Each structure stands twice: as C-alpha cells, then as structure tokens.
C-alpha cells in the first residue's frame, strides 16, 4: 500500500505515517512513529504535512498532541489535485514550447548554406527569391545581367519571376543597382508599390549580386563561370538588411528614366 500511496504524491515516510495512524486510530505521535518504524522527529514533520493535505487531523482537546487519520475517501482529494496540477502544467507547457523551441533553434541550428553552379543554378536562385512573400532586397549589377543571358532567356526568366511574385502577393523589391536598370524594358514603368530602385554607378564594374529575401541571403557571381550560394539564417539576414537600408537611405531618390 505504501507504494500506491507514493504514486498519489505522498513521500514514503508520509505513506507509512498515514497507514500507521489509520490502523491505530487516535494516537500520540510517538505511538504512530513506532508503528510506522520512523523516528519521532521525522514523524512530526510528516504529520504536519499530512495535516496540510487534509489526511490527518489533530485532536485539539487533548492534553497531549494526538492525531488521527481521516477517512480514506479523503485520498480522492490528492488525485483531483494531481489531475488539476497536470492540466495546469500542460497549459503552461503549451505557452512555453514556442519560446523554448526558439531558444533551442538558436543554439543548435547553424546557418544552412546551399551552393549553386552554372546558369541554371543562378536562375534557380532568382526563382527562389521570386517565391518569397516577404519584401526582398537586391544589391548589385544590372548591366552584367543584361550581358549574362541572351535577351530571349532574360525575358523568359523575368516572366517566370513575375508569375511567381504574383502568386506570392507581389511584395515590394528594393534595389540598389547600376544604370543598366534603365535598359530593362520590363522596368520602364514606375511602380513603387512593387519595385523601387536607387542607382549606384560603381556597381556597373561588378559582376556580383547580393539579395536578401525572408531569412535567406543569396550571393551570386555571373562572371565566366557563374556560381552562387544561399545562406539561411534569420540573424545574418536581419544584419545585412540593416546594412542595405543604411545605404539605401544615404542614396538620393530616383525614378526610372523614360
């Protein structure tokens, strides 16, 4: 029986004291302790705990402190209390889980890096960015893009990108690029709700591009041997986004030329 009582939340000593008191009836602490096989000082501590749980009562009109066990039905209180505590613990755990998982993710998940090679790899990166429903940021050459792909292939890529962006809700794209931007016929219209650009002429000398979309950072180079990589990291993406916006805010406003 002791083992069963401990499953209800009683300590081993409390279980022994309760069973002893139940078998003895109204008794002195020393008598209960002897029956339970525990020290008197230990018995007093256990008796006080059992009184708080409503399983033992103290006889008030006695010259000596005497105790008696309450009816075994009182044990139902323990099961109800345990059930209530379990439900409360589950509710609290549900509240805590998202935060705990976020902490764990930060600790155990290093940035994920995926590498791409060749023209098709670069196209893959562009289309991944186009699928993102969040605002994305483009920093790099446009002049080199126009030379990288034949006009037909470039137009097909722009068309596929537009279709994917439409499905993603057409989030705004901020671009810091070179004057080659004005030579892209699809960008002739002024559409600040979906596309904004600022010009940094020095980028015409580069063949590298950086883009931030969601929690991803894409780095590409469209030189003779095209290659690129996508880094997945919320922390890194947020940092580079801050750097981008700092430069964006330092550049003058500019509308596409007609």
Protein backbone atom coordinates (compact mmCIF):
# COMPACT_ATOMS: atom_id res chain seq x y z
CA UNK A 1 0.00 0.00 0.00
CA UNK A 2 2.87 2.35 0.73
CA UNK A 3 3.96 2.23 -2.90
CA UNK A 4 0.44 3.00 -4.08
CA UNK A 5 0.22 5.99 -1.75
CA UNK A 6 3.51 7.38 -3.00
CA UNK A 7 2.01 7.35 -6.51
CA UNK A 8 -0.61 9.77 -5.15
CA UNK A 9 2.11 12.23 -4.22
CA UNK A 10 2.94 11.21 -0.65
CA UNK A 11 6.53 10.65 0.39
CA UNK A 12 7.49 7.20 1.63
CA UNK A 13 7.53 8.46 5.23
CA UNK A 14 4.14 10.17 4.87
CA UNK A 15 2.67 6.97 3.47
CA UNK A 16 3.98 4.97 6.44
CA UNK A 17 2.68 7.53 8.94
CA UNK A 18 -0.75 7.68 7.31
CA UNK A 19 -1.13 3.89 7.30
CA UNK A 20 0.03 3.68 10.91
CA UNK A 21 -2.41 6.39 12.02
CA UNK A 22 -5.22 4.73 10.05
CA UNK A 23 -4.62 1.39 11.79
CA UNK A 24 -4.19 2.88 15.29
CA UNK A 25 -6.98 5.41 15.43
CA UNK A 26 -6.49 8.38 17.75
CA UNK A 27 -2.87 8.16 18.96
CA UNK A 28 0.18 10.01 20.16
CA UNK A 29 2.86 10.95 17.66
CA UNK A 30 5.33 8.62 19.41
CA UNK A 31 2.93 5.69 19.06
CA UNK A 32 2.34 6.42 15.38
CA UNK A 33 6.08 6.80 14.80
CA UNK A 34 6.79 3.45 16.45
CA UNK A 35 4.07 1.73 14.45
CA UNK A 36 5.42 3.27 11.23
CA UNK A 37 9.02 2.47 12.08
CA UNK A 38 10.29 6.04 11.79
CA UNK A 39 11.94 8.49 14.20
CA UNK A 40 9.65 10.70 16.29
CA UNK A 41 11.11 13.95 14.88
CA UNK A 42 10.58 12.63 11.36
CA UNK A 43 7.05 11.59 12.29
CA UNK A 44 6.13 15.11 13.48
CA UNK A 45 7.28 16.60 10.18
CA UNK A 46 5.30 14.02 8.20
CA UNK A 47 2.22 14.53 10.40
CA UNK A 48 2.31 18.29 9.82
CA UNK A 49 2.48 17.73 6.06
CA UNK A 50 -0.40 15.26 6.19
CA UNK A 51 -2.47 17.74 8.23
CA UNK A 52 -1.92 20.37 5.50
CA UNK A 53 -3.13 17.84 2.93
CA UNK A 54 -6.24 17.07 4.96
CA UNK A 55 -5.33 13.42 5.56
CA UNK A 56 -4.54 13.70 9.28
CA UNK A 57 -6.25 15.77 11.96
CA UNK A 58 -5.01 16.80 15.39
CA UNK A 59 -7.19 16.30 18.46
CA UNK A 60 -7.49 19.80 19.94
CA UNK A 61 -8.97 18.96 23.36
CA UNK A 62 -6.26 16.53 24.32
CA UNK A 63 -3.67 17.42 26.94
CA UNK A 64 -1.16 15.71 24.73
CA UNK A 65 -0.93 16.10 20.98
CA UNK A 66 -2.86 13.25 19.48
CA UNK A 67 -3.57 12.56 15.85
CA UNK A 68 -5.99 10.52 13.83
CA UNK A 69 -6.20 9.61 10.18
CA UNK A 70 -9.11 10.98 8.17
CA UNK A 71 -11.36 8.72 6.14
CA UNK A 72 -9.58 7.07 3.18
CA UNK A 73 -12.05 8.84 0.86
CA UNK A 74 -10.05 11.99 1.54
CA UNK A 75 -7.34 10.50 -0.67
CA UNK A 76 -9.56 11.40 -3.62
CA UNK A 77 -8.51 14.98 -2.98
CA UNK A 78 -4.96 14.03 -3.87
CA UNK A 79 -5.97 12.51 -7.19
CA UNK A 80 -8.07 15.57 -8.04
CA UNK A 81 -5.21 17.85 -7.04
CA UNK A 82 -2.76 15.87 -9.16
CA UNK A 83 -5.17 15.95 -12.11
CA UNK A 84 -5.59 19.70 -11.75
CA UNK A 85 -1.84 20.25 -11.48
CA UNK A 86 -1.26 18.09 -14.56
CA UNK A 87 -3.76 20.11 -16.60
CA UNK A 88 -2.25 23.38 -15.39
CA UNK A 89 1.24 22.11 -16.21
CA UNK A 90 0.14 21.12 -19.72
CA UNK A 91 -1.36 24.58 -20.30
CA UNK A 92 1.82 26.27 -19.12
CA UNK A 93 3.94 23.96 -21.25
CA UNK A 94 1.92 24.84 -24.35
CA UNK A 95 2.66 28.51 -23.65
CA UNK A 96 6.36 27.83 -23.11
CA UNK A 97 7.04 25.48 -26.03
CA UNK A 98 7.35 28.11 -28.81
CA UNK A 99 9.86 30.12 -26.78
CA UNK A 100 11.80 27.02 -25.75
CA UNK A 101 11.98 25.79 -29.33
CA UNK A 102 13.17 29.21 -30.47
CA UNK A 103 15.98 29.12 -27.88
CA UNK A 104 16.93 25.60 -28.93
CA UNK A 105 16.91 26.57 -32.61
CA UNK A 106 19.29 29.44 -31.98
CA UNK A 107 21.64 27.15 -30.08
CA UNK A 108 21.73 24.07 -32.27
CA UNK A 109 20.97 25.22 -35.79
CA UNK A 110 23.94 26.70 -37.65
CA UNK A 111 23.24 28.67 -40.82
CA UNK A 112 22.36 26.40 -43.74
CA UNK A 113 24.37 27.07 -46.91
CA UNK A 114 23.41 25.74 -50.35
CA UNK A 115 25.71 26.18 -53.34
CA UNK A 116 24.68 26.57 -56.98
CA UNK A 117 26.71 26.41 -60.18
CA UNK A 118 26.17 27.40 -63.78
CA UNK A 119 23.48 29.43 -65.49
CA UNK A 120 20.67 27.16 -64.31
CA UNK A 121 21.90 27.48 -60.73
CA UNK A 122 21.72 31.27 -60.96
CA UNK A 123 18.21 31.07 -62.43
CA UNK A 124 17.22 28.78 -59.56
CA UNK A 125 18.31 31.42 -57.04
CA UNK A 126 16.29 34.13 -58.85
CA UNK A 127 13.16 31.98 -58.86
CA UNK A 128 13.57 31.08 -55.17
CA UNK A 129 13.67 34.77 -54.32
CA UNK A 130 10.61 35.36 -56.51
CA UNK A 131 8.62 32.81 -54.49
CA UNK A 132 9.22 34.71 -51.24
CA UNK A 133 6.09 36.53 -49.94
CA UNK A 134 8.20 38.99 -47.95
CA UNK A 135 9.91 42.20 -49.05
CA UNK A 136 13.24 41.47 -50.65
CA UNK A 137 16.35 43.50 -51.31
CA UNK A 138 18.69 43.48 -54.33
CA UNK A 139 22.19 44.90 -54.33
CA UNK A 140 24.38 44.58 -57.38
CA UNK A 141 24.80 44.93 -61.09
CA UNK A 142 22.06 45.04 -63.69
CA UNK A 143 24.43 45.84 -66.56
CA UNK A 144 26.12 42.46 -66.22
CA UNK A 145 22.75 40.72 -66.07
CA UNK A 146 21.84 42.06 -69.50
CA UNK A 147 25.05 40.58 -70.88
CA UNK A 148 24.84 37.35 -68.89
CA UNK A 149 21.74 35.96 -70.58
CA UNK A 150 20.59 36.19 -74.19
CA UNK A 151 17.63 38.57 -74.48
CA UNK A 152 15.17 35.73 -75.06
CA UNK A 153 16.34 33.82 -71.98
CA UNK A 154 16.38 37.01 -69.90
CA UNK A 155 12.78 37.80 -70.88
CA UNK A 156 11.67 34.25 -70.05
CA UNK A 157 13.33 34.47 -66.63
CA UNK A 158 11.68 37.84 -65.92
CA UNK A 159 8.31 36.40 -66.99
CA UNK A 160 8.70 33.35 -64.72
CA UNK A 161 9.82 35.59 -61.87
CA UNK A 162 6.80 37.87 -62.29
CA UNK A 163 4.44 34.90 -62.25
CA UNK A 164 5.94 33.57 -59.01
CA UNK A 165 5.93 37.02 -57.44
CA UNK A 166 2.27 37.36 -58.34
CA UNK A 167 1.47 34.12 -56.51
CA UNK A 168 3.49 35.37 -53.53
CA UNK A 169 1.44 38.57 -53.31
CA UNK A 170 3.89 40.73 -55.27
CA UNK A 171 5.87 42.11 -52.30
CA UNK A 172 7.92 45.24 -52.89
CA UNK A 173 11.52 44.85 -54.10
CA UNK A 174 14.14 47.41 -53.15
CA UNK A 175 17.11 47.51 -55.49
CA UNK A 176 20.43 49.32 -55.36
CA UNK A 177 21.89 48.83 -58.81
CA UNK A 178 23.70 50.43 -61.74
CA UNK A 179 22.28 52.49 -64.67
CA UNK A 180 21.73 49.28 -66.61
CA UNK A 181 18.43 49.15 -64.72
CA UNK A 182 17.05 51.70 -67.18
CA UNK A 183 17.74 49.36 -70.09
CA UNK A 184 15.39 46.65 -68.82
CA UNK A 185 12.16 47.18 -70.72
CA UNK A 186 10.11 45.38 -68.04
CA UNK A 187 11.24 48.01 -65.52
CA UNK A 188 10.31 51.05 -67.59
CA UNK A 189 7.04 51.61 -65.76
CA UNK A 190 7.22 53.44 -62.42
CA UNK A 191 5.64 51.06 -59.90
CA UNK A 192 6.85 51.97 -56.38
CA UNK A 193 4.33 49.65 -54.73
CA UNK A 194 6.14 46.62 -56.16
CA UNK A 195 9.57 47.88 -57.23
CA UNK A 196 11.86 50.70 -56.14
CA UNK A 197 15.41 51.37 -57.26
CA UNK A 198 18.31 53.65 -56.43
CA UNK A 199 21.38 53.99 -58.60
CA UNK A 200 24.98 53.42 -57.58
CA UNK A 201 27.03 53.75 -60.80
CA UNK A 202 30.06 51.95 -59.35
CA UNK A 203 28.11 48.67 -59.39
CA UNK A 204 28.44 48.56 -63.18
CA UNK A 205 32.01 47.38 -62.67
CA UNK A 206 30.90 44.39 -60.61
CA UNK A 207 29.58 41.01 -61.67
CA UNK A 208 28.37 40.04 -58.22
CA UNK A 209 24.91 40.35 -56.72
CA UNK A 210 23.54 40.11 -53.20
CA UNK A 211 19.86 39.59 -52.40
CA UNK A 212 18.01 39.24 -49.10
CA UNK A 213 14.58 37.60 -49.02
CA UNK A 214 12.92 36.25 -45.89
CA UNK A 215 15.59 34.55 -43.79
CA UNK A 216 17.82 33.91 -46.81
CA UNK A 217 20.82 35.72 -48.27
CA UNK A 218 21.74 34.96 -51.86
CA UNK A 219 25.23 35.68 -53.17
CA UNK A 220 25.85 35.23 -56.89
CA UNK A 221 28.60 35.91 -59.38
CA UNK A 222 27.77 35.97 -63.09
CA UNK A 223 31.30 36.00 -64.43
CA UNK A 224 32.61 33.44 -66.94
CA UNK A 225 31.88 30.56 -64.55
CA UNK A 226 28.60 31.52 -62.82
CA UNK A 227 28.12 30.37 -59.24
CA UNK A 228 26.12 31.32 -56.20
CA UNK A 229 25.08 30.37 -52.69
CA UNK A 230 22.07 30.81 -50.44
CA UNK A 231 22.60 31.21 -46.70
CA UNK A 232 19.61 30.53 -44.45
CA UNK A 233 19.96 32.48 -41.20
CA UNK A 234 17.48 34.92 -39.69
CA UNK A 235 20.19 36.70 -37.69
CA UNK A 236 22.52 37.19 -40.66
CA UNK A 237 19.64 38.21 -42.94
CA UNK A 238 18.50 40.87 -40.47
CA UNK A 239 22.03 42.24 -40.12
CA UNK A 240 22.59 42.52 -43.88
CA UNK A 241 19.13 44.03 -44.30
CA UNK A 242 20.09 46.76 -41.81
CA UNK A 243 23.28 47.43 -43.77
CA UNK A 244 21.29 47.58 -47.02
CA UNK A 245 18.76 50.06 -45.60
CA UNK A 246 21.56 52.24 -44.24
CA UNK A 247 22.99 52.54 -47.75
CA UNK A 248 19.51 52.90 -49.27
CA UNK A 249 18.72 55.85 -47.05
CA UNK A 250 22.03 57.51 -47.95
CA UNK A 251 21.27 57.46 -51.69
CA UNK A 252 19.08 60.06 -53.44
CA UNK A 253 15.56 59.26 -54.61
CA UNK A 254 15.42 58.45 -58.29
CA UNK A 255 12.66 57.49 -60.71
CA UNK A 256 13.28 55.32 -63.76
CA UNK A 257 14.06 57.37 -66.84
CA UNK A 258 11.62 57.33 -69.73
